[in-house]
Amino acid sequence: MNLKNQRRLAAAVLGVGVSRIHIDPEGAAVVEAAITRQEIRKLIKDGVIKAIPLKTTSRGRARMRMAQKKTKRRSGPGSRKGAKYSVVPRKTRWMGRIRAQ
């Protein structure tokens, strides 16, 4: 059963790549008979043809990092990126000096 043409049409209708088209194996015979975009649209509506969702970047590691930063971890000298006064503002340093007197 060659569904290459139907897969290509479905990809064009859904606006995704050919590799992201999923055709239900049970409805493959019906899909094989579909040769127009109109018929492909109907099969998409019926749920015989679907677009596989994108795999996006997992945010689990980012959440873990932010949880550590909340507890003041990852703040050592090797992790600091800005200039001296962007990490600790001048006024904060001044207040520290004044209050120490």
PDB file of N, CA and C in Angstrom:
ATOM      1  N   MET A   1       0.846  -1.185   0.000  1.00  0.00           N
ATOM      2  CA  MET A   1       0.000   0.000   0.000  1.00  0.00           C
ATOM      3  C   MET A   1       0.889   1.245   0.000  1.00  0.00           C
ATOM      4  N   ASN A   2       0.849   2.018  -1.059  1.00  0.00           N
ATOM      5  CA  ASN A   2       1.696   3.204  -1.192  1.00  0.00           C
ATOM      6  C   ASN A   2       0.889   4.456  -0.849  1.00  0.00           C
ATOM      7  N   LEU A   3       1.241   5.099   0.258  1.00  0.00           N
ATOM      8  CA  LEU A   3       0.519   6.296   0.718  1.00  0.00           C
ATOM      9  C   LEU A   3       1.392   7.539   0.625  1.00  0.00           C
ATOM     10  N   LYS A   4       2.437   7.471  -0.196  1.00  0.00           N
ATOM     11  CA  LYS A   4       3.397   8.572  -0.298  1.00  0.00           C
ATOM     12  C   LYS A   4       2.726   9.864  -0.762  1.00  0.00           C
ATOM     13  N   ASN A   5       1.873   9.765  -1.772  1.00  0.00           N
ATOM     14  CA  ASN A   5       1.200  10.951  -2.323  1.00  0.00           C
ATOM     15  C   ASN A   5       0.218  11.548  -1.306  1.00  0.00           C
ATOM     16  N   GLN A   6      -0.530  10.674  -0.614  1.00  0.00           N
ATOM     17  CA  GLN A   6      -1.487  11.134   0.400  1.00  0.00           C
ATOM     18  C   GLN A   6      -0.754  11.804   1.565  1.00  0.00           C
ATOM     19  N   ARG A   7       0.381  11.233   1.933  1.00  0.00           N
ATOM     20  CA  ARG A   7       1.190  11.805   3.014  1.00  0.00           C
ATOM     21  C   ARG A   7       1.688  13.197   2.623  1.00  0.00           C
ATOM     22  N   ARG A   8       2.116  13.337   1.376  1.00  0.00           N
ATOM     23  CA  ARG A   8       2.605  14.626   0.867  1.00  0.00           C
ATOM     24  C   ARG A   8       1.483  15.667   0.865  1.00  0.00           C
ATOM     25  N   LEU A   9       0.284  15.260   0.407  1.00  0.00           N
ATOM     26  CA  LEU A   9      -0.867  16.177   0.387  1.00  0.00           C
ATOM     27  C   LEU A   9      -1.256  16.596   1.808  1.00  0.00           C
ATOM     28  N   ALA A  10      -1.282  15.624   2.723  1.00  0.00           N
ATOM     29  CA  ALA A  10      -1.645  15.919   4.115  1.00  0.00           C
ATOM     30  C   ALA A  10      -0.645  16.884   4.740  1.00  0.00           C
ATOM     31  N   ALA A  11       0.636  16.711   4.423  1.00  0.00           N
ATOM     32  CA  ALA A  11       1.670  17.608   4.946  1.00  0.00           C
ATOM     33  C   ALA A  11       1.450  19.025   4.442  1.00  0.00           C
ATOM     34  N   ALA A  12       1.071  19.156   3.177  1.00  0.00           N
ATOM     35  CA  ALA A  12       0.815  20.483   2.599  1.00  0.00           C
ATOM     36  C   ALA A  12      -0.420  21.122   3.226  1.00  0.00           C
ATOM     37  N   VAL A  13      -1.465  20.320   3.460  1.00  0.00           N
ATOM     38  CA  VAL A  13      -2.715  20.844   4.041  1.00  0.00           C
ATOM     39  C   VAL A  13      -2.492  21.278   5.492  1.00  0.00           C
ATOM     40  N   LEU A  14      -1.770  20.455   6.263  1.00  0.00           N
ATOM     41  CA  LEU A  14      -1.547  20.755   7.684  1.00  0.00           C
ATOM     42  C   LEU A  14      -0.398  21.732   7.911  1.00  0.00           C
ATOM     43  N   GLY A  15       0.422  21.942   6.898  1.00  0.00           N
ATOM     44  CA  GLY A  15       1.538  22.871   7.034  1.00  0.00           C
ATOM     45  C   GLY A  15       2.675  22.322   7.875  1.00  0.00           C
ATOM     46  N   VAL A  16       2.885  21.000   7.818  1.00  0.00           N
ATOM     47  CA  VAL A  16       3.987  20.371   8.546  1.00  0.00           C
ATOM     48  C   VAL A  16       4.819  19.541   7.566  1.00  0.00           C
ATOM     49  N   GLY A  17       5.919  18.974   8.046  1.00  0.00           N
ATOM     50  CA  GLY A  17       6.757  18.135   7.199  1.00  0.00           C
ATOM     51  C   GLY A  17       6.131  16.765   6.979  1.00  0.00           C
ATOM     52  N   VAL A  18       6.600  16.079   5.955  1.00  0.00           N
ATOM     53  CA  VAL A  18       6.060  14.762   5.598  1.00  0.00           C
ATOM     54  C   VAL A  18       6.287  13.757   6.728  1.00  0.00           C
ATOM     55  N   SER A  19       7.402  13.868   7.433  1.00  0.00           N
ATOM     56  CA  SER A  19       7.725  12.914   8.500  1.00  0.00           C
ATOM     57  C   SER A  19       6.830  13.082   9.730  1.00  0.00           C
ATOM     58  N   ARG A  20       6.122  14.206   9.833  1.00  0.00           N
ATOM     59  CA  ARG A  20       5.250  14.442  10.995  1.00  0.00           C
ATOM     60  C   ARG A  20       3.807  14.029  10.753  1.00  0.00           C
ATOM     61  N   ILE A  21       3.523  13.364   9.636  1.00  0.00           N
ATOM     62  CA  ILE A  21       2.165  12.915   9.333  1.00  0.00           C
ATOM     63  C   ILE A  21       1.977  11.500   9.864  1.00  0.00           C
ATOM     64  N   HIS A  22       0.910  11.295  10.648  1.00  0.00           N
ATOM     65  CA  HIS A  22       0.574   9.958  11.143  1.00  0.00           C
ATOM     66  C   HIS A  22      -0.736   9.526  10.506  1.00  0.00           C
ATOM     67  N   ILE A  23      -0.699   8.365   9.852  1.00  0.00           N
ATOM     68  CA  ILE A  23      -1.895   7.798   9.226  1.00  0.00           C
ATOM     69  C   ILE A  23      -2.293   6.571  10.036  1.00  0.00           C
ATOM     70  N   ASP A  24      -3.554   6.534  10.475  1.00  0.00           N
ATOM     71  CA  ASP A  24      -4.067   5.424  11.263  1.00  0.00           C
ATOM     72  C   ASP A  24      -3.997   4.138  10.434  1.00  0.00           C
ATOM     73  N   PRO A  25      -3.319   3.089  10.930  1.00  0.00           N
ATOM     74  CA  PRO A  25      -3.185   1.852  10.145  1.00  0.00           C
ATOM     75  C   PRO A  25      -4.524   1.210   9.783  1.00  0.00           C
ATOM     76  N   GLU A  26      -5.522   1.367  10.664  1.00  0.00           N
ATOM     77  CA  GLU A  26      -6.836   0.775  10.389  1.00  0.00           C
ATOM     78  C   GLU A  26      -7.563   1.510   9.262  1.00  0.00           C
ATOM     79  N   GLY A  27      -7.271   2.791   9.083  1.00  0.00           N
ATOM     80  CA  GLY A  27      -7.925   3.571   8.035  1.00  0.00           C
ATOM     81  C   GLY A  27      -7.072   3.736   6.797  1.00  0.00           C
ATOM     82  N   ALA A  28      -6.036   2.909   6.669  1.00  0.00           N
ATOM     83  CA  ALA A  28      -5.107   3.043   5.540  1.00  0.00           C
ATOM     84  C   ALA A  28      -5.789   2.798   4.199  1.00  0.00           C
ATOM     85  N   ALA A  29      -6.750   1.875   4.167  1.00  0.00           N
ATOM     86  CA  ALA A  29      -7.458   1.577   2.915  1.00  0.00           C
ATOM     87  C   ALA A  29      -8.270   2.786   2.456  1.00  0.00           C
ATOM     88  N   VAL A  30      -8.874   3.480   3.409  1.00  0.00           N
ATOM     89  CA  VAL A  30      -9.664   4.680   3.090  1.00  0.00           C
ATOM     90  C   VAL A  30      -8.738   5.785   2.591  1.00  0.00           C
ATOM     91  N   VAL A  31      -7.578   5.910   3.228  1.00  0.00           N
ATOM     92  CA  VAL A  31      -6.610   6.945   2.848  1.00  0.00           C
ATOM     93  C   VAL A  31      -6.078   6.684   1.442  1.00  0.00           C
ATOM     94  N   GLU A  32      -5.892   5.407   1.112  1.00  0.00           N
ATOM     95  CA  GLU A  32      -5.372   5.055  -0.213  1.00  0.00           C
ATOM     96  C   GLU A  32      -6.317   5.510  -1.326  1.00  0.00           C
ATOM     97  N   ALA A  33      -7.616   5.502  -1.044  1.00  0.00           N
ATOM     98  CA  ALA A  33      -8.611   5.913  -2.042  1.00  0.00           C
ATOM     99  C   ALA A  33      -8.669   7.435  -2.195  1.00  0.00           C
ATOM    100  N   ALA A  34      -8.220   8.173  -1.186  1.00  0.00           N
ATOM    101  CA  ALA A  34      -8.268   9.643  -1.222  1.00  0.00           C
ATOM    102  C   ALA A  34      -7.164  10.170  -2.128  1.00  0.00           C
ATOM    103  N   ILE A  35      -7.567  10.945  -3.159  1.00  0.00           N
ATOM    104  CA  ILE A  35      -6.563  11.478  -4.090  1.00  0.00           C
ATOM    105  C   ILE A  35      -6.625  12.997  -4.226  1.00  0.00           C
ATOM    106  N   THR A  36      -7.602  13.632  -3.583  1.00  0.00           N
ATOM    107  CA  THR A  36      -7.697  15.092  -3.676  1.00  0.00           C
ATOM    108  C   THR A  36      -7.459  15.718  -2.309  1.00  0.00           C
ATOM    109  N   ARG A  37      -7.122  17.003  -2.306  1.00  0.00           N
ATOM    110  CA  ARG A  37      -6.925  17.737  -1.052  1.00  0.00           C
ATOM    111  C   ARG A  37      -8.208  17.764  -0.228  1.00  0.00           C
ATOM    112  N   GLN A  38      -9.343  17.871  -0.920  1.00  0.00           N
ATOM    113  CA  GLN A  38     -10.641  17.910  -0.239  1.00  0.00           C
ATOM    114  C   GLN A  38     -10.856  16.621   0.561  1.00  0.00           C
ATOM    115  N   GLU A  39     -10.547  15.473  -0.072  1.00  0.00           N
ATOM    116  CA  GLU A  39     -10.704  14.184   0.613  1.00  0.00           C
ATOM    117  C   GLU A  39      -9.724  14.063   1.784  1.00  0.00           C
ATOM    118  N   ILE A  40      -8.520  14.582   1.604  1.00  0.00           N
ATOM    119  CA  ILE A  40      -7.514  14.559   2.683  1.00  0.00           C
ATOM    120  C   ILE A  40      -7.999  15.402   3.860  1.00  0.00           C
ATOM    121  N   ARG A  41      -8.585  16.582   3.567  1.00  0.00           N
ATOM    122  CA  ARG A  41      -9.119  17.456   4.633  1.00  0.00           C
ATOM    123  C   ARG A  41     -10.199  16.737   5.433  1.00  0.00           C
ATOM    124  N   LYS A  42     -11.055  15.982   4.743  1.00  0.00           N
ATOM    125  CA  LYS A  42     -12.129  15.244   5.410  1.00  0.00           C
ATOM    126  C   LYS A  42     -11.537  14.172   6.334  1.00  0.00           C
ATOM    127  N   LEU A  43     -10.489  13.488   5.854  1.00  0.00           N
ATOM    128  CA  LEU A  43      -9.844  12.454   6.672  1.00  0.00           C
ATOM    129  C   LEU A  43      -9.153  13.060   7.898  1.00  0.00           C
ATOM    130  N   ILE A  44      -8.616  14.269   7.739  1.00  0.00           N
ATOM    131  CA  ILE A  44      -8.006  14.972   8.877  1.00  0.00           C
ATOM    132  C   ILE A  44      -9.080  15.307   9.905  1.00  0.00           C
ATOM    133  N   LYS A  45     -10.225  15.767   9.402  1.00  0.00           N
ATOM    134  CA  LYS A  45     -11.345  16.116  10.286  1.00  0.00           C
ATOM    135  C   LYS A  45     -11.861  14.879  11.022  1.00  0.00           C
ATOM    136  N   ASP A  46     -11.883  13.730  10.319  1.00  0.00           N
ATOM    137  CA  ASP A  46     -12.351  12.478  10.922  1.00  0.00           C
ATOM    138  C   ASP A  46     -11.332  11.874  11.887  1.00  0.00           C
ATOM    139  N   GLY A  47     -10.084  12.352  11.835  1.00  0.00           N
ATOM    140  CA  GLY A  47      -9.056  11.865  12.747  1.00  0.00           C
ATOM    141  C   GLY A  47      -8.263  10.679  12.228  1.00  0.00           C
ATOM    142  N   VAL A  48      -8.433  10.350  10.941  1.00  0.00           N
ATOM    143  CA  VAL A  48      -7.673   9.244  10.352  1.00  0.00           C
ATOM    144  C   VAL A  48      -6.231   9.684  10.107  1.00  0.00           C
ATOM    145  N   ILE A  49      -6.060  10.959   9.717  1.00  0.00           N
ATOM    146  CA  ILE A  49      -4.731  11.534   9.495  1.00  0.00           C
ATOM    147  C   ILE A  49      -4.502  12.601  10.560  1.00  0.00           C
ATOM    148  N   LYS A  50      -3.333  12.547  11.203  1.00  0.00           N
ATOM    149  CA  LYS A  50      -3.007  13.527  12.248  1.00  0.00           C
ATOM    150  C   LYS A  50      -1.588  14.031  12.063  1.00  0.00           C
ATOM    151  N   ALA A  51      -1.309  15.209  12.635  1.00  0.00           N
ATOM    152  CA  ALA A  51       0.058  15.739  12.654  1.00  0.00           C
ATOM    153  C   ALA A  51       0.677  15.378  13.998  1.00  0.00           C
ATOM    154  N   ILE A  52       1.860  14.786  13.968  1.00  0.00           N
ATOM    155  CA  ILE A  52       2.569  14.431  15.201  1.00  0.00           C
ATOM    156  C   ILE A  52       3.092  15.722  15.827  1.00  0.00           C
ATOM    157  N   PRO A  53       2.863  15.963  17.137  1.00  0.00           N
ATOM    158  CA  PRO A  53       3.322  17.211  17.760  1.00  0.00           C
ATOM    159  C   PRO A  53       4.844  17.303  17.812  1.00  0.00           C
ATOM    160  N   LEU A  54       5.342  18.528  17.846  1.00  0.00           N
ATOM    161  CA  LEU A  54       6.786  18.769  17.913  1.00  0.00           C
ATOM    162  C   LEU A  54       7.338  18.367  19.270  1.00  0.00           C
ATOM    163  N   LYS A  55       8.586  17.899  19.269  1.00  0.00           N
ATOM    164  CA  LYS A  55       9.277  17.618  20.526  1.00  0.00           C
ATOM    165  C   LYS A  55      10.075  18.862  20.873  1.00  0.00           C
ATOM    166  N   THR A  56       9.715  19.514  21.958  1.00  0.00           N
ATOM    167  CA  THR A  56      10.391  20.750  22.340  1.00  0.00           C
ATOM    168  C   THR A  56      11.401  20.485  23.460  1.00  0.00           C
ATOM    169  N   THR A  57      12.208  21.477  23.770  1.00  0.00           N
ATOM    170  CA  THR A  57      13.229  21.355  24.804  1.00  0.00           C
ATOM    171  C   THR A  57      12.570  21.221  26.171  1.00  0.00           C
ATOM    172  N   SER A  58      13.010  20.231  26.937  1.00  0.00           N
ATOM    173  CA  SER A  58      12.473  20.001  28.269  1.00  0.00           C
ATOM    174  C   SER A  58      12.946  21.101  29.220  1.00  0.00           C
ATOM    175  N   ARG A  59      12.043  21.607  30.064  1.00  0.00           N
ATOM    176  CA  ARG A  59      12.401  22.664  31.005  1.00  0.00           C
ATOM    177  C   ARG A  59      12.700  22.119  32.400  1.00  0.00           C
ATOM    178  N   GLY A  60      12.741  20.809  32.551  1.00  0.00           N
ATOM    179  CA  GLY A  60      12.992  20.197  33.853  1.00  0.00           C
ATOM    180  C   GLY A  60      14.309  20.638  34.466  1.00  0.00           C
ATOM    181  N   ARG A  61      15.374  20.625  33.650  1.00  0.00           N
ATOM    182  CA  ARG A  61      16.693  21.032  34.155  1.00  0.00           C
ATOM    183  C   ARG A  61      16.700  22.512  34.518  1.00  0.00           C
ATOM    184  N   ALA A  62      16.005  23.339  33.735  1.00  0.00           N
ATOM    185  CA  ALA A  62      15.946  24.781  34.006  1.00  0.00           C
ATOM    186  C   ALA A  62      15.226  25.044  35.331  1.00  0.00           C
ATOM    187  N   ARG A  63      14.146  24.303  35.586  1.00  0.00           N
ATOM    188  CA  ARG A  63      13.417  24.462  36.851  1.00  0.00           C
ATOM    189  C   ARG A  63      14.295  24.077  38.035  1.00  0.00           C
ATOM    190  N   MET A  64      15.060  23.007  37.858  1.00  0.00           N
ATOM    191  CA  MET A  64      15.951  22.552  38.923  1.00  0.00           C
ATOM    192  C   MET A  64      17.013  23.608  39.226  1.00  0.00           C
ATOM    193  N   ARG A  65      17.573  24.207  38.173  1.00  0.00           N
ATOM    194  CA  ARG A  65      18.595  25.244  38.317  1.00  0.00           C
ATOM    195  C   ARG A  65      18.017  26.460  39.035  1.00  0.00           C
ATOM    196  N   MET A  66      16.808  26.871  38.670  1.00  0.00           N
ATOM    197  CA  MET A  66      16.181  28.036  39.303  1.00  0.00           C
ATOM    198  C   MET A  66      15.878  27.762  40.776  1.00  0.00           C
ATOM    199  N   ALA A  67      15.480  26.523  41.100  1.00  0.00           N
ATOM    200  CA  ALA A  67      15.229  26.163  42.501  1.00  0.00           C
ATOM    201  C   ALA A  67      16.517  26.265  43.311  1.00  0.00           C
ATOM    202  N   GLN A  68      17.637  25.868  42.722  1.00  0.00           N
ATOM    203  CA  GLN A  68      18.926  25.983  43.409  1.00  0.00           C
ATOM    204  C   GLN A  68      19.302  27.447  43.602  1.00  0.00           C
ATOM    205  N   LYS A  69      19.066  28.269  42.593  1.00  0.00           N
ATOM    206  CA  LYS A  69      19.418  29.690  42.678  1.00  0.00           C
ATOM    207  C   LYS A  69      18.605  30.398  43.758  1.00  0.00           C
ATOM    208  N   LYS A  70      17.369  29.929  43.988  1.00  0.00           N
ATOM    209  CA  LYS A  70      16.544  30.524  45.038  1.00  0.00           C
ATOM    210  C   LYS A  70      17.154  30.280  46.412  1.00  0.00           C
ATOM    211  N   THR A  71      17.867  29.160  46.565  1.00  0.00           N
ATOM    212  CA  THR A  71      18.513  28.858  47.840  1.00  0.00           C
ATOM    213  C   THR A  71      19.960  29.350  47.856  1.00  0.00           C
ATOM    214  N   LYS A  72      20.284  30.307  46.967  1.00  0.00           N
ATOM    215  CA  LYS A  72      21.579  30.996  46.890  1.00  0.00           C
ATOM    216  C   LYS A  72      22.723  30.084  46.439  1.00  0.00           C
ATOM    217  N   ARG A  73      22.415  29.026  45.734  1.00  0.00           N
ATOM    218  CA  ARG A  73      23.462  28.184  45.158  1.00  0.00           C
ATOM    219  C   ARG A  73      23.839  28.743  43.788  1.00  0.00           C
ATOM    220  N   ARG A  74      24.932  28.260  43.225  1.00  0.00           N
ATOM    221  CA  ARG A  74      25.418  28.677  41.900  1.00  0.00           C
ATOM    222  C   ARG A  74      25.720  30.177  41.846  1.00  0.00           C
ATOM    223  N   SER A  75      26.187  30.726  42.951  1.00  0.00           N
ATOM    224  CA  SER A  75      26.465  32.169  42.976  1.00  0.00           C
ATOM    225  C   SER A  75      27.933  32.462  43.254  1.00  0.00           C
ATOM    226  N   GLY A  76      28.787  31.474  43.066  1.00  0.00           N
ATOM    227  CA  GLY A  76      30.216  31.642  43.328  1.00  0.00           C
ATOM    228  C   GLY A  76      30.888  32.518  42.288  1.00  0.00           C
ATOM    229  N   PRO A  77      32.183  32.808  42.465  1.00  0.00           N
ATOM    230  CA  PRO A  77      32.887  33.703  41.547  1.00  0.00           C
ATOM    231  C   PRO A  77      32.935  33.192  40.111  1.00  0.00           C
ATOM    232  N   GLY A  78      32.906  31.891  39.922  1.00  0.00           N
ATOM    233  CA  GLY A  78      32.940  31.333  38.566  1.00  0.00           C
ATOM    234  C   GLY A  78      31.632  31.471  37.822  1.00  0.00           C
ATOM    235  N   SER A  79      30.543  31.750  38.543  1.00  0.00           N
ATOM    236  CA  SER A  79      29.226  31.860  37.914  1.00  0.00           C
ATOM    237  C   SER A  79      28.847  33.295  37.592  1.00  0.00           C
ATOM    238  N   ARG A  80      29.626  34.265  38.085  1.00  0.00           N
ATOM    239  CA  ARG A  80      29.271  35.675  37.893  1.00  0.00           C
ATOM    240  C   ARG A  80      29.719  36.150  36.528  1.00  0.00           C
ATOM    241  N   LYS A  81      28.833  36.850  35.836  1.00  0.00           N
ATOM    242  CA  LYS A  81      29.135  37.265  34.470  1.00  0.00           C
ATOM    243  C   LYS A  81      29.343  38.762  34.322  1.00  0.00           C
ATOM    244  N   GLY A  82      28.627  39.561  35.092  1.00  0.00           N
ATOM    245  CA  GLY A  82      28.694  41.008  34.918  1.00  0.00           C
ATOM    246  C   GLY A  82      29.952  41.620  35.514  1.00  0.00           C
ATOM    247  N   ALA A  83      30.079  42.938  35.357  1.00  0.00           N
ATOM    248  CA  ALA A  83      31.191  43.681  35.960  1.00  0.00           C
ATOM    249  C   ALA A  83      31.004  43.718  37.474  1.00  0.00           C
ATOM    250  N   LYS A  84      32.015  44.197  38.182  1.00  0.00           N
ATOM    251  CA  LYS A  84      31.998  44.202  39.645  1.00  0.00           C
ATOM    252  C   LYS A  84      30.761  44.903  40.207  1.00  0.00           C
ATOM    253  N   TYR A  85      30.426  46.072  39.635  1.00  0.00           N
ATOM    254  CA  TYR A  85      29.320  46.854  40.192  1.00  0.00           C
ATOM    255  C   TYR A  85      27.954  46.445  39.648  1.00  0.00           C
ATOM    256  N   SER A  86      27.916  45.558  38.668  1.00  0.00           N
ATOM    257  CA  SER A  86      26.609  45.079  38.223  1.00  0.00           C
ATOM    258  C   SER A  86      26.174  43.889  39.072  1.00  0.00           C
ATOM    259  N   VAL A  87      27.151  43.174  39.641  1.00  0.00           N
ATOM    260  CA  VAL A  87      26.834  42.052  40.518  1.00  0.00           C
ATOM    261  C   VAL A  87      26.450  42.572  41.900  1.00  0.00           C
ATOM    262  N   VAL A  88      27.272  43.461  42.470  1.00  0.00           N
ATOM    263  CA  VAL A  88      26.953  44.117  43.742  1.00  0.00           C
ATOM    264  C   VAL A  88      26.953  45.617  43.468  1.00  0.00           C
ATOM    265  N   PRO A  89      25.787  46.274  43.501  1.00  0.00           N
ATOM    266  CA  PRO A  89      25.723  47.702  43.169  1.00  0.00           C
ATOM    267  C   PRO A  89      26.566  48.567  44.111  1.00  0.00           C
ATOM    268  N   ARG A  90      27.008  49.716  43.606  1.00  0.00           N
ATOM    269  CA  ARG A  90      27.835  50.647  44.393  1.00  0.00           C
ATOM    270  C   ARG A  90      27.140  51.051  45.691  1.00  0.00           C
ATOM    271  N   LYS A  91      25.845  51.310  45.581  1.00  0.00           N
ATOM    272  CA  LYS A  91      25.119  51.779  46.767  1.00  0.00           C
ATOM    273  C   LYS A  91      25.102  50.697  47.852  1.00  0.00           C
ATOM    274  N   THR A  92      24.942  49.443  47.458  1.00  0.00           N
ATOM    275  CA  THR A  92      24.932  48.351  48.434  1.00  0.00           C
ATOM    276  C   THR A  92      26.278  48.265  49.149  1.00  0.00           C
ATOM    277  N   ARG A  93      27.373  48.405  48.387  1.00  0.00           N
ATOM    278  CA  ARG A  93      28.715  48.396  48.985  1.00  0.00           C
ATOM    279  C   ARG A  93      28.886  49.589  49.926  1.00  0.00           C
ATOM    280  N   TRP A  94      28.389  50.754  49.520  1.00  0.00           N
ATOM    281  CA  TRP A  94      28.475  51.971  50.329  1.00  0.00           C
ATOM    282  C   TRP A  94      27.714  51.781  51.637  1.00  0.00           C
ATOM    283  N   MET A  95      26.481  51.204  51.524  1.00  0.00           N
ATOM    284  CA  MET A  95      25.675  50.985  52.728  1.00  0.00           C
ATOM    285  C   MET A  95      26.394  50.044  53.689  1.00  0.00           C
ATOM    286  N   GLY A  96      27.050  49.041  53.150  1.00  0.00           N
ATOM    287  CA  GLY A  96      27.812  48.111  53.984  1.00  0.00           C
ATOM    288  C   GLY A  96      28.924  48.809  54.737  1.00  0.00           C
ATOM    289  N   ARG A  97      29.611  49.734  54.071  1.00  0.00           N
ATOM    290  CA  ARG A  97      30.700  50.483  54.716  1.00  0.00           C
ATOM    291  C   ARG A  97      30.159  51.420  55.792  1.00  0.00           C
ATOM    292  N   ILE A  98      29.090  52.144  55.476  1.00  0.00           N
ATOM    293  CA  ILE A  98      28.514  53.124  56.407  1.00  0.00           C
ATOM    294  C   ILE A  98      27.961  52.426  57.649  1.00  0.00           C
ATOM    295  N   ARG A  99      27.264  51.343  57.463  1.00  0.00           N
ATOM    296  CA  ARG A  99      26.644  50.648  58.591  1.00  0.00           C
ATOM    297  C   ARG A  99      27.684  49.949  59.469  1.00  0.00           C
ATOM    298  N   ALA A 100      28.828  49.644  58.916  1.00  0.00           N
ATOM    299  CA  ALA A 100      29.878  48.983  59.701  1.00  0.00           C
ATOM    300  C   ALA A 100      30.502  49.944  60.703  1.00  0.00           C
ATOM    301  N   GLN A 101      30.414  51.270  60.463  1.00  0.00           N
ATOM    302  CA  GLN A 101      31.047  52.267  61.340  1.00  0.00           C
ATOM    303  C   GLN A 101      30.313  52.417  62.662  1.00  0.00           C
TER     304      GLN A 101
END
